Amino acid sequence: MRGKQRRAEPMFSMVRVEDLVPADHLLRKIDRYIDFSAVEEQTRSLYSHTGRPSIDPEVLIRMMALGYLHGITSERRLCQKDRRRAS
Protein backbone atom coordinates (compact mmCIF):
# COMPACT_ATOMS: atom_id res chain seq x y z
CA MET A 1 0.00 0.00 0.00
CA ARG A 2 1.32 3.39 -0.94
CA GLY A 3 1.40 6.03 1.76
CA LYS A 4 1.01 9.79 1.40
CA GLN A 5 3.29 12.15 3.27
CA ARG A 6 1.52 15.09 4.83
CA ARG A 7 3.49 18.30 5.33
CA ALA A 8 2.74 20.51 8.29
CA GLU A 9 5.09 23.24 7.08
CA PRO A 10 6.12 24.55 3.67
CA MET A 11 8.84 22.70 1.77
CA PHE A 12 10.88 25.86 1.15
CA SER A 13 11.33 28.87 3.36
CA MET A 14 12.70 32.29 2.51
CA VAL A 15 15.33 33.61 4.89
CA ARG A 16 16.96 37.00 4.53
CA VAL A 17 20.48 37.47 5.84
CA GLU A 18 19.33 40.82 7.23
CA ASP A 19 16.95 38.93 9.54
CA LEU A 20 19.75 36.72 10.92
CA VAL A 21 22.01 39.53 12.18
CA PRO A 22 20.70 41.46 15.21
CA ALA A 23 20.32 45.25 14.85
CA ASP A 24 22.97 45.98 17.51
CA HIS A 25 25.56 43.47 16.21
CA LEU A 26 29.16 44.58 15.67
CA LEU A 27 28.94 43.66 11.96
CA ARG A 28 26.19 46.23 11.42
CA LYS A 29 28.25 48.94 13.13
CA ILE A 30 31.27 48.14 10.97
CA ASP A 31 29.13 48.21 7.84
CA ARG A 32 27.57 51.53 8.85
CA TYR A 33 30.77 53.40 9.67
CA ILE A 34 33.49 51.90 7.46
CA ASP A 35 33.34 52.32 3.70
CA PHE A 36 35.10 49.43 1.97
CA SER A 37 34.21 50.54 -1.56
CA ALA A 38 37.76 51.85 -2.23
CA VAL A 39 39.20 48.34 -1.86
CA GLU A 40 38.04 47.26 -5.31
CA GLU A 41 39.57 50.29 -7.00
CA GLN A 42 42.84 50.02 -5.04
CA THR A 43 43.31 46.32 -5.87
CA ARG A 44 42.04 46.25 -9.47
CA SER A 45 45.55 46.32 -11.02
CA LEU A 46 46.69 43.38 -8.86
CA TYR A 47 44.26 40.88 -10.41
CA SER A 48 44.51 39.12 -13.78
CA HIS A 49 41.77 39.38 -16.40
CA THR A 50 42.15 35.69 -17.28
CA GLY A 51 41.64 32.55 -15.25
CA ARG A 52 39.11 31.72 -12.58
CA PRO A 53 37.33 34.52 -10.74
CA SER A 54 38.81 35.36 -7.37
CA ILE A 55 37.13 36.04 -4.06
CA ASP A 56 36.00 39.64 -3.88
CA PRO A 57 38.87 41.64 -2.29
CA GLU A 58 36.35 43.60 -0.23
CA VAL A 59 35.14 40.34 1.33
CA LEU A 60 38.73 39.35 2.15
CA ILE A 61 39.40 42.70 3.85
CA ARG A 62 36.17 42.42 5.84
CA MET A 63 37.11 38.90 6.95
CA MET A 64 40.59 40.04 7.98
CA ALA A 65 39.08 42.87 10.03
CA LEU A 66 36.70 40.47 11.78
CA GLY A 67 39.54 38.06 12.46
CA TYR A 68 41.55 40.86 14.01
CA LEU A 69 38.63 42.02 16.16
CA HIS A 70 37.93 38.47 17.39
CA GLY A 71 41.59 37.51 17.79
CA ILE A 72 41.44 34.83 15.09
CA THR A 73 44.72 34.51 13.21
CA SER A 74 43.78 31.61 10.92
CA GLU A 75 41.56 32.08 7.86
CA ARG A 76 40.35 28.51 8.26
CA ARG A 77 39.29 29.13 11.86
CA LEU A 78 37.56 32.34 10.84
CA CYS A 79 35.50 30.44 8.24
CA GLN A 80 34.69 27.73 10.79
CA LYS A 81 33.56 30.35 13.31
CA ASP A 82 31.23 31.88 10.70
CA ARG A 83 29.76 28.47 9.85
CA ARG A 84 29.08 27.64 13.51
CA ARG A 85 27.30 30.95 13.99
CA ALA A 86 25.11 30.43 10.93
CA SER A 87 23.79 27.08 12.16
PDB file of N, CA and C in Angstrom:
ATOM      1  N   MET A   1       0.845  -1.178   0.000  1.00  0.00           N
ATOM      2  CA  MET A   1       0.000   0.000   0.000  1.00  0.00           C
ATOM      3  C   MET A   1       0.888   1.238   0.000  1.00  0.00           C
ATOM      4  N   ARG A   2       0.535   2.164  -0.818  1.00  0.00           N
ATOM      5  CA  ARG A   2       1.321   3.385  -0.938  1.00  0.00           C
ATOM      6  C   ARG A   2       0.825   4.430   0.053  1.00  0.00           C
ATOM      7  N   GLY A   3       1.766   5.004   0.789  1.00  0.00           N
ATOM      8  CA  GLY A   3       1.397   6.031   1.756  1.00  0.00           C
ATOM      9  C   GLY A   3       1.501   7.428   1.158  1.00  0.00           C
ATOM     10  N   LYS A   4       0.978   8.381   1.833  1.00  0.00           N
ATOM     11  CA  LYS A   4       1.012   9.790   1.405  1.00  0.00           C
ATOM     12  C   LYS A   4       1.585  10.611   2.549  1.00  0.00           C
ATOM     13  N   GLN A   5       2.663  11.318   2.247  1.00  0.00           N
ATOM     14  CA  GLN A   5       3.287  12.149   3.272  1.00  0.00           C
ATOM     15  C   GLN A   5       2.520  13.459   3.387  1.00  0.00           C
ATOM     16  N   ARG A   6       2.222  13.832   4.594  1.00  0.00           N
ATOM     17  CA  ARG A   6       1.521  15.094   4.832  1.00  0.00           C
ATOM     18  C   ARG A   6       2.515  16.093   5.435  1.00  0.00           C
ATOM     19  N   ARG A   7       2.572  17.267   4.849  1.00  0.00           N
ATOM     20  CA  ARG A   7       3.495  18.302   5.331  1.00  0.00           C
ATOM     21  C   ARG A   7       2.743  19.299   6.209  1.00  0.00           C
ATOM     22  N   ALA A   8       3.314  19.530   7.378  1.00  0.00           N
ATOM     23  CA  ALA A   8       2.739  20.510   8.292  1.00  0.00           C
ATOM     24  C   ALA A   8       3.300  21.904   8.036  1.00  0.00           C
ATOM     25  N   GLU A   9       4.458  21.959   7.367  1.00  0.00           N
ATOM     26  CA  GLU A   9       5.093  23.239   7.082  1.00  0.00           C
ATOM     27  C   GLU A   9       5.493  23.280   5.617  1.00  0.00           C
ATOM     28  N   PRO A  10       5.749  24.458   5.084  1.00  0.00           N
ATOM     29  CA  PRO A  10       6.120  24.550   3.671  1.00  0.00           C
ATOM     30  C   PRO A  10       7.461  23.861   3.383  1.00  0.00           C
ATOM     31  N   MET A  11       7.625  23.393   2.155  1.00  0.00           N
ATOM     32  CA  MET A  11       8.839  22.696   1.766  1.00  0.00           C
ATOM     33  C   MET A  11      10.029  23.652   1.704  1.00  0.00           C
ATOM     34  N   PHE A  12       9.818  24.860   1.251  1.00  0.00           N
ATOM     35  CA  PHE A  12      10.876  25.855   1.149  1.00  0.00           C
ATOM     36  C   PHE A  12      10.529  27.049   2.029  1.00  0.00           C
ATOM     37  N   SER A  13      11.557  27.663   2.570  1.00  0.00           N
ATOM     38  CA  SER A  13      11.330  28.874   3.355  1.00  0.00           C
ATOM     39  C   SER A  13      12.294  29.947   2.881  1.00  0.00           C
ATOM     40  N   MET A  14      11.866  31.166   2.919  1.00  0.00           N
ATOM     41  CA  MET A  14      12.702  32.286   2.512  1.00  0.00           C
ATOM     42  C   MET A  14      13.310  32.915   3.764  1.00  0.00           C
ATOM     43  N   VAL A  15      14.624  33.002   3.767  1.00  0.00           N
ATOM     44  CA  VAL A  15      15.333  33.605   4.892  1.00  0.00           C
ATOM     45  C   VAL A  15      16.218  34.708   4.341  1.00  0.00           C
ATOM     46  N   ARG A  16      16.099  35.879   4.913  1.00  0.00           N
ATOM     47  CA  ARG A  16      16.959  36.996   4.530  1.00  0.00           C
ATOM     48  C   ARG A  16      18.118  37.070   5.502  1.00  0.00           C
ATOM     49  N   VAL A  17      19.306  37.332   4.983  1.00  0.00           N
ATOM     50  CA  VAL A  17      20.482  37.472   5.841  1.00  0.00           C
ATOM     51  C   VAL A  17      20.267  38.624   6.814  1.00  0.00           C
ATOM     52  N   GLU A  18      19.601  39.654   6.367  1.00  0.00           N
ATOM     53  CA  GLU A  18      19.326  40.816   7.232  1.00  0.00           C
ATOM     54  C   GLU A  18      18.572  40.409   8.491  1.00  0.00           C
ATOM     55  N   ASP A  19      17.720  39.378   8.390  1.00  0.00           N
ATOM     56  CA  ASP A  19      16.950  38.932   9.542  1.00  0.00           C
ATOM     57  C   ASP A  19      17.779  38.094  10.515  1.00  0.00           C
ATOM     58  N   LEU A  20      18.921  37.582  10.082  1.00  0.00           N
ATOM     59  CA  LEU A  20      19.746  36.724  10.923  1.00  0.00           C
ATOM     60  C   LEU A  20      20.713  37.505  11.806  1.00  0.00           C
ATOM     61  N   VAL A  21      21.045  38.728  11.421  1.00  0.00           N
ATOM     62  CA  VAL A  21      22.012  39.531  12.178  1.00  0.00           C
ATOM     63  C   VAL A  21      21.251  40.549  13.019  1.00  0.00           C
ATOM     64  N   PRO A  22      21.406  40.514  14.343  1.00  0.00           N
ATOM     65  CA  PRO A  22      20.696  41.460  15.207  1.00  0.00           C
ATOM     66  C   PRO A  22      21.056  42.919  14.879  1.00  0.00           C
ATOM     67  N   ALA A  23      20.146  43.824  15.175  1.00  0.00           N
ATOM     68  CA  ALA A  23      20.324  45.247  14.845  1.00  0.00           C
ATOM     69  C   ALA A  23      21.522  45.867  15.558  1.00  0.00           C
ATOM     70  N   ASP A  24      21.860  45.387  16.751  1.00  0.00           N
ATOM     71  CA  ASP A  24      22.967  45.978  17.512  1.00  0.00           C
ATOM     72  C   ASP A  24      24.274  45.192  17.372  1.00  0.00           C
ATOM     73  N   HIS A  25      24.372  44.314  16.399  1.00  0.00           N
ATOM     74  CA  HIS A  25      25.556  43.474  16.211  1.00  0.00           C
ATOM     75  C   HIS A  25      26.730  44.305  15.697  1.00  0.00           C
ATOM     76  N   LEU A  26      27.941  43.888  16.067  1.00  0.00           N
ATOM     77  CA  LEU A  26      29.165  44.576  15.668  1.00  0.00           C
ATOM     78  C   LEU A  26      29.282  44.675  14.140  1.00  0.00           C
ATOM     79  N   LEU A  27      28.863  43.644  13.424  1.00  0.00           N
ATOM     80  CA  LEU A  27      28.937  43.664  11.960  1.00  0.00           C
ATOM     81  C   LEU A  27      28.142  44.821  11.360  1.00  0.00           C
ATOM     82  N   ARG A  28      27.005  45.108  11.925  1.00  0.00           N
ATOM     83  CA  ARG A  28      26.187  46.231  11.418  1.00  0.00           C
ATOM     84  C   ARG A  28      26.875  47.568  11.675  1.00  0.00           C
ATOM     85  N   LYS A  29      27.530  47.698  12.821  1.00  0.00           N
ATOM     86  CA  LYS A  29      28.246  48.945  13.126  1.00  0.00           C
ATOM     87  C   LYS A  29      29.425  49.135  12.171  1.00  0.00           C
ATOM     88  N   ILE A  30      30.149  48.058  11.915  1.00  0.00           N
ATOM     89  CA  ILE A  30      31.266  48.138  10.972  1.00  0.00           C
ATOM     90  C   ILE A  30      30.754  48.542   9.597  1.00  0.00           C
ATOM     91  N   ASP A  31      29.680  47.915   9.162  1.00  0.00           N
ATOM     92  CA  ASP A  31      29.126  48.212   7.837  1.00  0.00           C
ATOM     93  C   ASP A  31      28.622  49.648   7.747  1.00  0.00           C
ATOM     94  N   ARG A  32      28.118  50.164   8.846  1.00  0.00           N
ATOM     95  CA  ARG A  32      27.567  51.529   8.854  1.00  0.00           C
ATOM     96  C   ARG A  32      28.665  52.589   8.809  1.00  0.00           C
ATOM     97  N   TYR A  33      29.774  52.350   9.506  1.00  0.00           N
ATOM     98  CA  TYR A  33      30.771  53.402   9.669  1.00  0.00           C
ATOM     99  C   TYR A  33      32.032  53.265   8.806  1.00  0.00           C
ATOM    100  N   ILE A  34      32.282  52.087   8.271  1.00  0.00           N
ATOM    101  CA  ILE A  34      33.489  51.904   7.464  1.00  0.00           C
ATOM    102  C   ILE A  34      33.088  51.645   6.022  1.00  0.00           C
ATOM    103  N   ASP A  35      33.636  52.446   5.127  1.00  0.00           N
ATOM    104  CA  ASP A  35      33.345  52.319   3.698  1.00  0.00           C
ATOM    105  C   ASP A  35      34.465  51.508   3.045  1.00  0.00           C
ATOM    106  N   PHE A  36      34.125  50.319   2.596  1.00  0.00           N
ATOM    107  CA  PHE A  36      35.098  49.430   1.975  1.00  0.00           C
ATOM    108  C   PHE A  36      35.085  49.537   0.449  1.00  0.00           C
ATOM    109  N   SER A  37      34.353  50.468  -0.111  1.00  0.00           N
ATOM    110  CA  SER A  37      34.213  50.541  -1.565  1.00  0.00           C
ATOM    111  C   SER A  37      35.531  50.865  -2.276  1.00  0.00           C
ATOM    112  N   ALA A  38      36.467  51.496  -1.598  1.00  0.00           N
ATOM    113  CA  ALA A  38      37.755  51.845  -2.226  1.00  0.00           C
ATOM    114  C   ALA A  38      38.648  50.629  -2.434  1.00  0.00           C
ATOM    115  N   VAL A  39      38.363  49.534  -1.749  1.00  0.00           N
ATOM    116  CA  VAL A  39      39.197  48.338  -1.857  1.00  0.00           C
ATOM    117  C   VAL A  39      39.234  47.827  -3.292  1.00  0.00           C
ATOM    118  N   GLU A  40      38.103  47.782  -3.939  1.00  0.00           N
ATOM    119  CA  GLU A  40      38.037  47.263  -5.308  1.00  0.00           C
ATOM    120  C   GLU A  40      38.898  48.092  -6.249  1.00  0.00           C
ATOM    121  N   GLU A  41      38.799  49.394  -6.132  1.00  0.00           N
ATOM    122  CA  GLU A  41      39.574  50.289  -6.997  1.00  0.00           C
ATOM    123  C   GLU A  41      41.078  50.184  -6.704  1.00  0.00           C
ATOM    124  N   GLN A  42      41.424  50.080  -5.439  1.00  0.00           N
ATOM    125  CA  GLN A  42      42.838  50.020  -5.039  1.00  0.00           C
ATOM    126  C   GLN A  42      43.503  48.710  -5.473  1.00  0.00           C
ATOM    127  N   THR A  43      42.728  47.629  -5.575  1.00  0.00           N
ATOM    128  CA  THR A  43      43.310  46.319  -5.874  1.00  0.00           C
ATOM    129  C   THR A  43      43.071  45.867  -7.316  1.00  0.00           C
ATOM    130  N   ARG A  44      42.389  46.646  -8.104  1.00  0.00           N
ATOM    131  CA  ARG A  44      42.042  46.252  -9.471  1.00  0.00           C
ATOM    132  C   ARG A  44      43.269  45.855 -10.292  1.00  0.00           C
ATOM    133  N   SER A  45      44.358  46.596 -10.208  1.00  0.00           N
ATOM    134  CA  SER A  45      45.551  46.320 -11.017  1.00  0.00           C
ATOM    135  C   SER A  45      46.305  45.069 -10.556  1.00  0.00           C
ATOM    136  N   LEU A  46      45.988  44.549  -9.394  1.00  0.00           N
ATOM    137  CA  LEU A  46      46.686  43.384  -8.857  1.00  0.00           C
ATOM    138  C   LEU A  46      46.103  42.060  -9.342  1.00  0.00           C
ATOM    139  N   TYR A  47      44.946  42.085  -9.980  1.00  0.00           N
ATOM    140  CA  TYR A  47      44.261  40.878 -10.407  1.00  0.00           C
ATOM    141  C   TYR A  47      44.328  40.705 -11.918  1.00  0.00           C
ATOM    142  N   SER A  48      44.437  39.453 -12.357  1.00  0.00           N
ATOM    143  CA  SER A  48      44.506  39.125 -13.775  1.00  0.00           C
ATOM    144  C   SER A  48      43.099  39.161 -14.391  1.00  0.00           C
ATOM    145  N   HIS A  49      43.050  39.391 -15.690  1.00  0.00           N
ATOM    146  CA  HIS A  49      41.766  39.377 -16.396  1.00  0.00           C
ATOM    147  C   HIS A  49      41.439  37.988 -16.930  1.00  0.00           C
ATOM    148  N   THR A  50      42.382  37.057 -16.806  1.00  0.00           N
ATOM    149  CA  THR A  50      42.154  35.694 -17.277  1.00  0.00           C
ATOM    150  C   THR A  50      42.141  34.741 -16.091  1.00  0.00           C
ATOM    151  N   GLY A  51      41.668  33.545 -16.308  1.00  0.00           N
ATOM    152  CA  GLY A  51      41.644  32.550 -15.250  1.00  0.00           C
ATOM    153  C   GLY A  51      40.332  32.552 -14.485  1.00  0.00           C
ATOM    154  N   ARG A  52      40.316  31.833 -13.408  1.00  0.00           N
ATOM    155  CA  ARG A  52      39.109  31.718 -12.581  1.00  0.00           C
ATOM    156  C   ARG A  52      38.876  33.000 -11.797  1.00  0.00           C
ATOM    157  N   PRO A  53      37.613  33.334 -11.553  1.00  0.00           N
ATOM    158  CA  PRO A  53      37.329  34.524 -10.745  1.00  0.00           C
ATOM    159  C   PRO A  53      37.828  34.344  -9.305  1.00  0.00           C
ATOM    160  N   SER A  54      38.292  35.419  -8.736  1.00  0.00           N
ATOM    161  CA  SER A  54      38.807  35.360  -7.369  1.00  0.00           C
ATOM    162  C   SER A  54      37.690  35.688  -6.381  1.00  0.00           C
ATOM    163  N   ILE A  55      38.029  35.562  -5.113  1.00  0.00           N
ATOM    164  CA  ILE A  55      37.126  36.037  -4.065  1.00  0.00           C
ATOM    165  C   ILE A  55      37.191  37.553  -4.088  1.00  0.00           C
ATOM    166  N   ASP A  56      36.070  38.188  -3.877  1.00  0.00           N
ATOM    167  CA  ASP A  56      35.998  39.643  -3.875  1.00  0.00           C
ATOM    168  C   ASP A  56      36.980  40.202  -2.836  1.00  0.00           C
ATOM    169  N   PRO A  57      37.894  41.095  -3.248  1.00  0.00           N
ATOM    170  CA  PRO A  57      38.867  41.640  -2.295  1.00  0.00           C
ATOM    171  C   PRO A  57      38.210  42.343  -1.110  1.00  0.00           C
ATOM    172  N   GLU A  58      37.052  42.945  -1.333  1.00  0.00           N
ATOM    173  CA  GLU A  58      36.346  43.598  -0.226  1.00  0.00           C
ATOM    174  C   GLU A  58      35.944  42.575   0.832  1.00  0.00           C
ATOM    175  N   VAL A  59      35.515  41.404   0.397  1.00  0.00           N
ATOM    176  CA  VAL A  59      35.140  40.336   1.334  1.00  0.00           C
ATOM    177  C   VAL A  59      36.357  39.888   2.126  1.00  0.00           C
ATOM    178  N   LEU A  60      37.504  39.750   1.450  1.00  0.00           N
ATOM    179  CA  LEU A  60      38.725  39.349   2.152  1.00  0.00           C
ATOM    180  C   LEU A  60      39.134  40.368   3.209  1.00  0.00           C
ATOM    181  N   ILE A  61      39.043  41.651   2.879  1.00  0.00           N
ATOM    182  CA  ILE A  61      39.400  42.702   3.850  1.00  0.00           C
ATOM    183  C   ILE A  61      38.436  42.678   5.029  1.00  0.00           C
ATOM    184  N   ARG A  62      37.157  42.497   4.748  1.00  0.00           N
ATOM    185  CA  ARG A  62      36.171  42.420   5.838  1.00  0.00           C
ATOM    186  C   ARG A  62      36.470  41.225   6.751  1.00  0.00           C
ATOM    187  N   MET A  63      36.797  40.082   6.151  1.00  0.00           N
ATOM    188  CA  MET A  63      37.112  38.897   6.953  1.00  0.00           C
ATOM    189  C   MET A  63      38.365  39.116   7.794  1.00  0.00           C
ATOM    190  N   MET A  64      39.370  39.762   7.217  1.00  0.00           N
ATOM    191  CA  MET A  64      40.592  40.036   7.982  1.00  0.00           C
ATOM    192  C   MET A  64      40.298  40.962   9.158  1.00  0.00           C
ATOM    193  N   ALA A  65      39.450  41.954   8.945  1.00  0.00           N
ATOM    194  CA  ALA A  65      39.078  42.870  10.028  1.00  0.00           C
ATOM    195  C   ALA A  65      38.347  42.119  11.142  1.00  0.00           C
ATOM    196  N   LEU A  66      37.421  41.242  10.768  1.00  0.00           N
ATOM    197  CA  LEU A  66      36.699  40.468  11.781  1.00  0.00           C
ATOM    198  C   LEU A  66      37.639  39.537  12.533  1.00  0.00           C
ATOM    199  N   GLY A  67      38.566  38.920  11.801  1.00  0.00           N
ATOM    200  CA  GLY A  67      39.538  38.055  12.459  1.00  0.00           C
ATOM    201  C   GLY A  67      40.375  38.824  13.469  1.00  0.00           C
ATOM    202  N   TYR A  68      40.779  40.020  13.105  1.00  0.00           N
ATOM    203  CA  TYR A  68      41.552  40.863  14.012  1.00  0.00           C
ATOM    204  C   TYR A  68      40.724  41.222  15.253  1.00  0.00           C
ATOM    205  N   LEU A  69      39.479  41.613  15.039  1.00  0.00           N
ATOM    206  CA  LEU A  69      38.627  42.018  16.158  1.00  0.00           C
ATOM    207  C   LEU A  69      38.319  40.862  17.109  1.00  0.00           C
ATOM    208  N   HIS A  70      38.245  39.645  16.574  1.00  0.00           N
ATOM    209  CA  HIS A  70      37.931  38.470  17.392  1.00  0.00           C
ATOM    210  C   HIS A  70      39.176  37.696  17.808  1.00  0.00           C
ATOM    211  N   GLY A  71      40.353  38.174  17.411  1.00  0.00           N
ATOM    212  CA  GLY A  71      41.588  37.505  17.794  1.00  0.00           C
ATOM    213  C   GLY A  71      41.809  36.181  17.077  1.00  0.00           C
ATOM    214  N   ILE A  72      41.296  36.060  15.866  1.00  0.00           N
ATOM    215  CA  ILE A  72      41.441  34.826  15.090  1.00  0.00           C
ATOM    216  C   ILE A  72      42.523  35.068  14.044  1.00  0.00           C
ATOM    217  N   THR A  73      43.594  34.296  14.116  1.00  0.00           N
ATOM    218  CA  THR A  73      44.721  34.507  13.208  1.00  0.00           C
ATOM    219  C   THR A  73      44.707  33.567  12.008  1.00  0.00           C
ATOM    220  N   SER A  74      43.838  32.584  12.011  1.00  0.00           N
ATOM    221  CA  SER A  74      43.780  31.611  10.924  1.00  0.00           C
ATOM    222  C   SER A  74      42.530  31.848  10.076  1.00  0.00           C
ATOM    223  N   GLU A  75      42.717  31.915   8.753  1.00  0.00           N
ATOM    224  CA  GLU A  75      41.562  32.084   7.863  1.00  0.00           C
ATOM    225  C   GLU A  75      40.619  30.893   7.974  1.00  0.00           C
ATOM    226  N   ARG A  76      41.179  29.709   8.125  1.00  0.00           N
ATOM    227  CA  ARG A  76      40.347  28.506   8.261  1.00  0.00           C
ATOM    228  C   ARG A  76      39.489  28.578   9.513  1.00  0.00           C
ATOM    229  N   ARG A  77      40.073  29.005  10.624  1.00  0.00           N
ATOM    230  CA  ARG A  77      39.295  29.134  11.865  1.00  0.00           C
ATOM    231  C   ARG A  77      38.226  30.211  11.740  1.00  0.00           C
ATOM    232  N   LEU A  78      38.535  31.275  11.039  1.00  0.00           N
ATOM    233  CA  LEU A  78      37.557  32.335  10.843  1.00  0.00           C
ATOM    234  C   LEU A  78      36.355  31.805  10.061  1.00  0.00           C
ATOM    235  N   CYS A  79      36.595  31.041   9.018  1.00  0.00           N
ATOM    236  CA  CYS A  79      35.500  30.442   8.238  1.00  0.00           C
ATOM    237  C   CYS A  79      34.712  29.461   9.087  1.00  0.00           C
ATOM    238  N   GLN A  80      35.383  28.679   9.919  1.00  0.00           N
ATOM    239  CA  GLN A  80      34.694  27.732  10.792  1.00  0.00           C
ATOM    240  C   GLN A  80      33.837  28.466  11.816  1.00  0.00           C
ATOM    241  N   LYS A  81      34.330  29.562  12.331  1.00  0.00           N
ATOM    242  CA  LYS A  81      33.556  30.351  13.308  1.00  0.00           C
ATOM    243  C   LYS A  81      32.293  30.887  12.657  1.00  0.00           C
ATOM    244  N   ASP A  82      32.394  31.374  11.411  1.00  0.00           N
ATOM    245  CA  ASP A  82      31.228  31.882  10.697  1.00  0.00           C
ATOM    246  C   ASP A  82      30.213  30.776  10.475  1.00  0.00           C
ATOM    247  N   ARG A  83      30.675  29.566  10.112  1.00  0.00           N
ATOM    248  CA  ARG A  83      29.762  28.470   9.847  1.00  0.00           C
ATOM    249  C   ARG A  83      29.037  28.057  11.126  1.00  0.00           C
ATOM    250  N   ARG A  84      29.723  28.028  12.258  1.00  0.00           N
ATOM    251  CA  ARG A  84      29.082  27.635  13.510  1.00  0.00           C
ATOM    252  C   ARG A  84      28.028  28.645  13.924  1.00  0.00           C
ATOM    253  N   ARG A  85      28.286  29.915  13.647  1.00  0.00           N
ATOM    254  CA  ARG A  85      27.300  30.950  13.990  1.00  0.00           C
ATOM    255  C   ARG A  85      26.059  30.848  13.130  1.00  0.00           C
ATOM    256  N   ALA A  86      26.237  30.486  11.859  1.00  0.00           N
ATOM    257  CA  ALA A  86      25.115  30.425  10.927  1.00  0.00           C
ATOM    258  C   ALA A  86      24.163  29.285  11.265  1.00  0.00           C
ATOM    259  N   SER A  87      24.672  28.217  11.879  1.00  0.00           N
ATOM    260  CA  SER A  87      23.789  27.075  12.156  1.00  0.00           C
ATOM    261  C   SER A  87      23.179  27.132  13.527  1.00  0.00           C
TER     262      SER A  87
END
